[in-house]
Amino acid sequence: MVGNVWEWTVQNFKVMSLKKAVREAHKDKQGFKICKGGSYLCHASYCHRYRIAARTANSPDSSTGHTGFRLVYDTPPDKAMG
Protein backbone atom coordinates (compact mmCIF):
# COMPACT_ATOMS: atom_id res chain seq x y z
CA MET A 1 0.00 0.00 0.00
CA VAL A 2 1.11 3.53 -0.63
CA GLY A 3 -0.45 6.94 -0.49
CA ASN A 4 -2.61 7.07 2.59
CA VAL A 5 -0.06 7.12 5.42
CA TRP A 6 3.52 6.10 6.06
CA GLU A 7 3.24 2.60 7.49
CA TRP A 8 5.10 1.77 10.72
CA THR A 9 6.90 -1.57 10.76
CA VAL A 10 8.41 -3.63 13.55
CA GLN A 11 11.79 -3.57 11.78
CA ASN A 12 14.64 -1.50 13.18
CA PHE A 13 16.05 1.16 10.87
CA LYS A 14 19.45 0.19 9.50
CA VAL A 15 21.55 1.98 6.91
CA MET A 16 22.84 -0.50 4.37
CA SER A 17 25.09 1.97 2.51
CA LEU A 18 28.75 1.16 2.03
CA LYS A 19 29.58 4.88 2.22
CA LYS A 20 30.97 5.90 5.58
CA ALA A 21 29.51 9.43 5.27
CA VAL A 22 25.99 8.03 4.83
CA ARG A 23 26.36 5.71 7.82
CA GLU A 24 27.69 8.59 9.95
CA ALA A 25 24.77 10.83 8.94
CA HIS A 26 22.29 8.25 10.27
CA LYS A 27 24.12 7.02 13.38
CA ASP A 28 21.74 8.97 15.64
CA LYS A 29 18.81 6.83 14.48
CA GLN A 30 19.61 3.96 16.86
CA GLY A 31 16.31 2.42 18.00
CA PHE A 32 14.29 4.03 15.19
CA LYS A 33 11.76 1.95 13.27
CA ILE A 34 11.25 1.74 9.51
CA CYS A 35 8.25 3.48 7.97
CA LYS A 36 7.33 2.40 4.44
CA GLY A 37 5.33 3.75 1.53
CA GLY A 38 4.59 7.45 1.65
CA SER A 39 1.61 9.51 2.68
CA TYR A 40 -1.03 11.87 1.39
CA LEU A 41 1.36 14.72 2.22
CA CYS A 42 3.94 13.57 -0.36
CA HIS A 43 3.95 15.66 -3.51
CA ALA A 44 6.48 15.81 -6.33
CA SER A 45 7.33 19.42 -5.47
CA TYR A 46 8.85 18.47 -2.09
CA CYS A 47 8.67 14.70 -1.55
CA HIS A 48 10.15 12.26 -4.02
CA ARG A 49 9.52 9.24 -1.79
CA TYR A 50 5.90 8.55 -2.72
CA ARG A 51 6.38 4.95 -3.80
CA ILE A 52 5.95 1.47 -2.35
CA ALA A 53 9.70 0.93 -1.99
CA ALA A 54 10.22 4.20 -0.06
CA ARG A 55 11.73 3.86 3.40
CA THR A 56 12.26 6.36 6.18
CA ALA A 57 13.08 6.19 9.87
CA ASN A 58 11.02 7.47 12.75
CA SER A 59 11.58 7.38 16.49
CA PRO A 60 9.22 5.15 18.49
CA ASP A 61 7.82 8.14 20.39
CA SER A 62 6.82 10.05 17.23
CA SER A 63 3.27 10.57 16.05
CA THR A 64 1.79 12.40 13.09
CA GLY A 65 -1.46 12.43 11.17
CA HIS A 66 0.22 10.82 8.18
CA THR A 67 1.79 7.80 9.92
CA GLY A 68 -0.12 4.64 10.75
CA PHE A 69 0.17 0.88 11.04
CA ARG A 70 -1.61 -2.27 9.96
CA LEU A 71 -2.59 -5.10 12.28
CA VAL A 72 -1.95 -8.61 11.01
CA TYR A 73 -2.84 -11.86 12.71
CA ASP A 74 -3.23 -15.51 11.83
CA THR A 75 -6.74 -16.94 11.58
CA PRO A 76 -7.11 -20.20 13.49
CA PRO A 77 -7.50 -23.15 11.05
CA ASP A 78 -11.02 -23.98 12.23
CA LYS A 79 -12.23 -20.46 11.39
CA ALA A 80 -10.38 -20.02 8.09
CA MET A 81 -12.51 -19.52 5.03
CA GLY A 82 -12.11 -21.94 2.25
C-alpha atoms as a PDB file:
ATOM      1  CA  MET A   1       0.000   0.000   0.000  1.00  0.00           C
ATOM      2  CA  VAL A   2       1.107   3.530  -0.629  1.00  0.00           C
ATOM      3  CA  GLY A   3      -0.448   6.936  -0.491  1.00  0.00           C
ATOM      4  CA  ASN A   4      -2.608   7.070   2.594  1.00  0.00           C
ATOM      5  CA  VAL A   5      -0.058   7.124   5.417  1.00  0.00           C
ATOM      6  CA  TRP A   6       3.524   6.102   6.062  1.00  0.00           C
ATOM      7  CA  GLU A   7       3.240   2.600   7.493  1.00  0.00           C
ATOM      8  CA  TRP A   8       5.101   1.773  10.721  1.00  0.00           C
ATOM      9  CA  THR A   9       6.904  -1.570  10.759  1.00  0.00           C
ATOM     10  CA  VAL A  10       8.413  -3.627  13.551  1.00  0.00           C
ATOM     11  CA  GLN A  11      11.792  -3.571  11.782  1.00  0.00           C
ATOM     12  CA  ASN A  12      14.636  -1.504  13.180  1.00  0.00           C
ATOM     13  CA  PHE A  13      16.049   1.164  10.871  1.00  0.00           C
ATOM     14  CA  LYS A  14      19.452   0.189   9.504  1.00  0.00           C
ATOM     15  CA  VAL A  15      21.550   1.981   6.909  1.00  0.00           C
ATOM     16  CA  MET A  16      22.839  -0.497   4.366  1.00  0.00           C
ATOM     17  CA  SER A  17      25.090   1.967   2.509  1.00  0.00           C
ATOM     18  CA  LEU A  18      28.745   1.162   2.030  1.00  0.00           C
ATOM     19  CA  LYS A  19      29.577   4.875   2.219  1.00  0.00           C
ATOM     20  CA  LYS A  20      30.966   5.901   5.585  1.00  0.00           C
ATOM     21  CA  ALA A  21      29.514   9.432   5.272  1.00  0.00           C
ATOM     22  CA  VAL A  22      25.990   8.028   4.829  1.00  0.00           C
ATOM     23  CA  ARG A  23      26.357   5.709   7.824  1.00  0.00           C
ATOM     24  CA  GLU A  24      27.688   8.594   9.947  1.00  0.00           C
ATOM     25  CA  ALA A  25      24.774  10.830   8.941  1.00  0.00           C
ATOM     26  CA  HIS A  26      22.292   8.249  10.267  1.00  0.00           C
ATOM     27  CA  LYS A  27      24.125   7.022  13.376  1.00  0.00           C
ATOM     28  CA  ASP A  28      21.740   8.972  15.644  1.00  0.00           C
ATOM     29  CA  LYS A  29      18.811   6.826  14.477  1.00  0.00           C
ATOM     30  CA  GLN A  30      19.611   3.961  16.864  1.00  0.00           C
ATOM     31  CA  GLY A  31      16.309   2.416  18.001  1.00  0.00           C
ATOM     32  CA  PHE A  32      14.288   4.030  15.194  1.00  0.00           C
ATOM     33  CA  LYS A  33      11.757   1.948  13.270  1.00  0.00           C
ATOM     34  CA  ILE A  34      11.246   1.740   9.511  1.00  0.00           C
ATOM     35  CA  CYS A  35       8.253   3.480   7.973  1.00  0.00           C
ATOM     36  CA  LYS A  36       7.329   2.401   4.437  1.00  0.00           C
ATOM     37  CA  GLY A  37       5.334   3.747   1.528  1.00  0.00           C
ATOM     38  CA  GLY A  38       4.593   7.448   1.651  1.00  0.00           C
ATOM     39  CA  SER A  39       1.606   9.514   2.676  1.00  0.00           C
ATOM     40  CA  TYR A  40      -1.035  11.872   1.388  1.00  0.00           C
ATOM     41  CA  LEU A  41       1.364  14.717   2.217  1.00  0.00           C
ATOM     42  CA  CYS A  42       3.943  13.566  -0.364  1.00  0.00           C
ATOM     43  CA  HIS A  43       3.948  15.655  -3.509  1.00  0.00           C
ATOM     44  CA  ALA A  44       6.484  15.807  -6.334  1.00  0.00           C
ATOM     45  CA  SER A  45       7.333  19.421  -5.467  1.00  0.00           C
ATOM     46  CA  TYR A  46       8.851  18.473  -2.087  1.00  0.00           C
ATOM     47  CA  CYS A  47       8.670  14.701  -1.547  1.00  0.00           C
ATOM     48  CA  HIS A  48      10.148  12.265  -4.017  1.00  0.00           C
ATOM     49  CA  ARG A  49       9.523   9.236  -1.793  1.00  0.00           C
ATOM     50  CA  TYR A  50       5.902   8.555  -2.725  1.00  0.00           C
ATOM     51  CA  ARG A  51       6.383   4.947  -3.797  1.00  0.00           C
ATOM     52  CA  ILE A  52       5.945   1.472  -2.350  1.00  0.00           C
ATOM     53  CA  ALA A  53       9.703   0.935  -1.994  1.00  0.00           C
ATOM     54  CA  ALA A  54      10.222   4.201  -0.059  1.00  0.00           C
ATOM     55  CA  ARG A  55      11.731   3.857   3.404  1.00  0.00           C
ATOM     56  CA  THR A  56      12.259   6.360   6.179  1.00  0.00           C
ATOM     57  CA  ALA A  57      13.075   6.194   9.871  1.00  0.00           C
ATOM     58  CA  ASN A  58      11.019   7.469  12.754  1.00  0.00           C
ATOM     59  CA  SER A  59      11.579   7.379  16.488  1.00  0.00           C
ATOM     60  CA  PRO A  60       9.219   5.145  18.489  1.00  0.00           C
ATOM     61  CA  ASP A  61       7.823   8.142  20.393  1.00  0.00           C
ATOM     62  CA  SER A  62       6.820  10.050  17.229  1.00  0.00           C
ATOM     63  CA  SER A  63       3.267  10.574  16.052  1.00  0.00           C
ATOM     64  CA  THR A  64       1.787  12.398  13.085  1.00  0.00           C
ATOM     65  CA  GLY A  65      -1.461  12.430  11.170  1.00  0.00           C
ATOM     66  CA  HIS A  66       0.218  10.822   8.182  1.00  0.00           C
ATOM     67  CA  THR A  67       1.794   7.798   9.917  1.00  0.00           C
ATOM     68  CA  GLY A  68      -0.117   4.638  10.754  1.00  0.00           C
ATOM     69  CA  PHE A  69       0.169   0.882  11.044  1.00  0.00           C
ATOM     70  CA  ARG A  70      -1.612  -2.268   9.962  1.00  0.00           C
ATOM     71  CA  LEU A  71      -2.594  -5.102  12.278  1.00  0.00           C
ATOM     72  CA  VAL A  72      -1.954  -8.612  11.005  1.00  0.00           C
ATOM     73  CA  TYR A  73      -2.835 -11.864  12.707  1.00  0.00           C
ATOM     74  CA  ASP A  74      -3.231 -15.514  11.828  1.00  0.00           C
ATOM     75  CA  THR A  75      -6.742 -16.938  11.583  1.00  0.00           C
ATOM     76  CA  PRO A  76      -7.111 -20.204  13.492  1.00  0.00           C
ATOM     77  CA  PRO A  77      -7.501 -23.148  11.052  1.00  0.00           C
ATOM     78  CA  ASP A  78     -11.018 -23.976  12.231  1.00  0.00           C
ATOM     79  CA  LYS A  79     -12.230 -20.460  11.391  1.00  0.00           C
ATOM     80  CA  ALA A  80     -10.379 -20.016   8.095  1.00  0.00           C
ATOM     81  CA  MET A  81     -12.508 -19.516   5.028  1.00  0.00           C
ATOM     82  CA  GLY A  82     -12.106 -21.940   2.251  1.00  0.00           C
END
